[in-house]
Amino acid sequence: MWHARLRRAKVAGEVSRAPLQLTMEVTEDSWITLFVDDERVINDVVTAGTRRTFDADQAFRFATVGNAAGVTLTLNGKKLPPLGRDGEVVRNRTFDLQSLETQP
């Protein structure tokens, strides 16, 4: 079982005040190493069916995503293009405010 530490605990119904919010949906088991504002929050196999939301002040950095096609990301309500193909390992992919400006 994987463990994720969230930088800020949310109270039910509380609106996020962070400028960035990332929702990660895992459709196929995938090895993920994720940093939120330079703090590692995931470094494990994340199983299919997992959905997590993270808040950041500066950036999200995926140091590693194994099986890139098995992870769907939404940044501040915008669905991001696939990270890669089925079984592909992607490294050092960063999402920040500038990423929002370059997404269609």
Protein backbone atom coordinates (compact mmCIF):
# COMPACT_ATOMS: atom_id res chain seq x y z
CA MET A 1 0.00 0.00 0.00
CA TRP A 2 1.37 3.44 -0.87
CA HIS A 3 1.53 6.41 1.41
CA ALA A 4 1.00 10.05 0.45
CA ARG A 5 1.69 12.94 2.79
CA LEU A 6 -0.37 16.01 2.02
CA ARG A 7 1.17 19.38 2.78
CA ARG A 8 -2.11 20.82 4.02
CA ALA A 9 -5.04 18.98 5.53
CA LYS A 10 -8.34 20.07 4.04
CA VAL A 11 -11.47 20.53 6.07
CA ALA A 12 -14.54 19.10 4.33
CA GLY A 13 -15.94 21.72 1.99
CA GLU A 14 -12.89 23.98 2.25
CA VAL A 15 -11.89 25.68 -0.99
CA SER A 16 -8.23 25.35 -1.92
CA ARG A 17 -6.22 28.59 -1.63
CA ALA A 18 -3.15 27.19 -3.39
CA PRO A 19 -2.61 28.47 -6.93
CA LEU A 20 -2.19 24.92 -8.27
CA GLN A 21 -4.35 21.87 -7.81
CA LEU A 22 -3.53 18.52 -9.42
CA THR A 23 -5.89 15.57 -9.57
CA MET A 24 -4.29 12.24 -10.39
CA GLU A 25 -6.41 9.29 -11.47
CA VAL A 26 -4.67 5.95 -11.87
CA THR A 27 -6.30 3.60 -14.40
CA GLU A 28 -3.50 0.99 -14.42
CA ASP A 29 -0.98 0.19 -11.69
CA SER A 30 1.96 2.57 -12.03
CA TRP A 31 5.19 3.34 -10.18
CA ILE A 32 5.05 7.04 -9.24
CA THR A 33 7.52 9.37 -7.57
CA LEU A 34 5.84 12.77 -7.10
CA PHE A 35 7.18 15.95 -5.52
CA VAL A 36 4.85 18.77 -4.47
CA ASP A 37 6.75 22.04 -3.99
CA ASP A 38 10.01 20.05 -3.65
CA GLU A 39 8.58 17.70 -1.00
CA ARG A 40 8.26 14.03 -1.97
CA VAL A 41 4.69 12.89 -1.37
CA ILE A 42 4.63 9.59 -3.30
CA ASN A 43 7.37 7.06 -3.99
CA ASP A 44 5.60 3.76 -4.57
CA VAL A 45 3.40 1.65 -6.82
CA VAL A 46 -0.02 3.29 -7.02
CA THR A 47 -2.83 0.90 -7.83
CA ALA A 48 -5.55 1.23 -10.44
CA GLY A 49 -8.64 3.00 -9.12
CA THR A 50 -6.67 5.44 -6.97
CA ARG A 51 -7.70 9.10 -7.20
CA ARG A 52 -5.81 11.80 -5.27
CA THR A 53 -5.83 15.59 -5.29
CA PHE A 54 -2.80 17.66 -4.31
CA ASP A 55 -2.34 21.41 -3.78
CA ALA A 56 0.89 23.28 -4.53
CA ASP A 57 2.14 26.83 -4.29
CA GLN A 58 4.82 26.42 -6.98
CA ALA A 59 4.95 23.12 -8.87
CA PHE A 60 4.34 19.40 -9.15
CA ARG A 61 7.24 17.28 -10.38
CA PHE A 62 6.88 13.68 -11.39
CA ALA A 63 10.41 12.32 -10.97
CA THR A 64 9.20 8.95 -12.29
CA VAL A 65 6.00 7.61 -13.77
CA GLY A 66 6.19 3.97 -14.78
CA ASN A 67 3.40 2.93 -17.15
CA ALA A 68 2.71 6.54 -18.12
CA ALA A 69 -0.52 5.73 -19.98
CA GLY A 70 -2.02 4.46 -16.73
CA VAL A 71 -2.09 7.92 -15.12
CA THR A 72 -4.55 10.70 -16.00
CA LEU A 73 -3.86 14.23 -14.73
CA THR A 74 -6.05 17.30 -14.34
CA LEU A 75 -4.35 20.61 -13.48
CA ASN A 76 -6.61 23.38 -12.14
CA GLY A 77 -9.59 21.78 -13.87
CA LYS A 78 -7.82 21.27 -17.23
CA LYS A 79 -7.28 17.69 -18.35
CA LEU A 80 -3.65 17.26 -19.41
CA PRO A 81 -2.51 15.24 -22.44
CA PRO A 82 -1.33 11.67 -21.71
CA LEU A 83 2.12 11.50 -20.12
CA GLY A 84 3.18 8.68 -22.43
CA ARG A 85 2.38 5.28 -23.90
CA ASP A 86 1.38 2.06 -22.19
CA GLY A 87 4.39 0.71 -20.29
CA GLU A 88 6.51 3.81 -21.00
CA VAL A 89 8.59 5.26 -18.16
CA VAL A 90 8.53 9.07 -18.01
CA ARG A 91 10.97 11.07 -15.90
CA ASN A 92 11.19 14.64 -14.64
CA ARG A 93 7.88 16.02 -15.87
CA THR A 94 7.01 19.31 -14.14
CA PHE A 95 3.65 21.10 -14.01
CA ASP A 96 3.44 24.69 -12.78
CA LEU A 97 1.55 27.92 -13.56
CA GLN A 98 3.43 28.23 -16.84
CA SER A 99 2.13 24.77 -17.81
CA LEU A 100 -1.42 26.12 -17.59
CA GLU A 101 -0.58 28.90 -20.04
CA THR A 102 0.79 26.46 -22.62
CA GLN A 103 -2.09 23.94 -22.47
CA PRO A 104 -4.76 24.27 -25.20
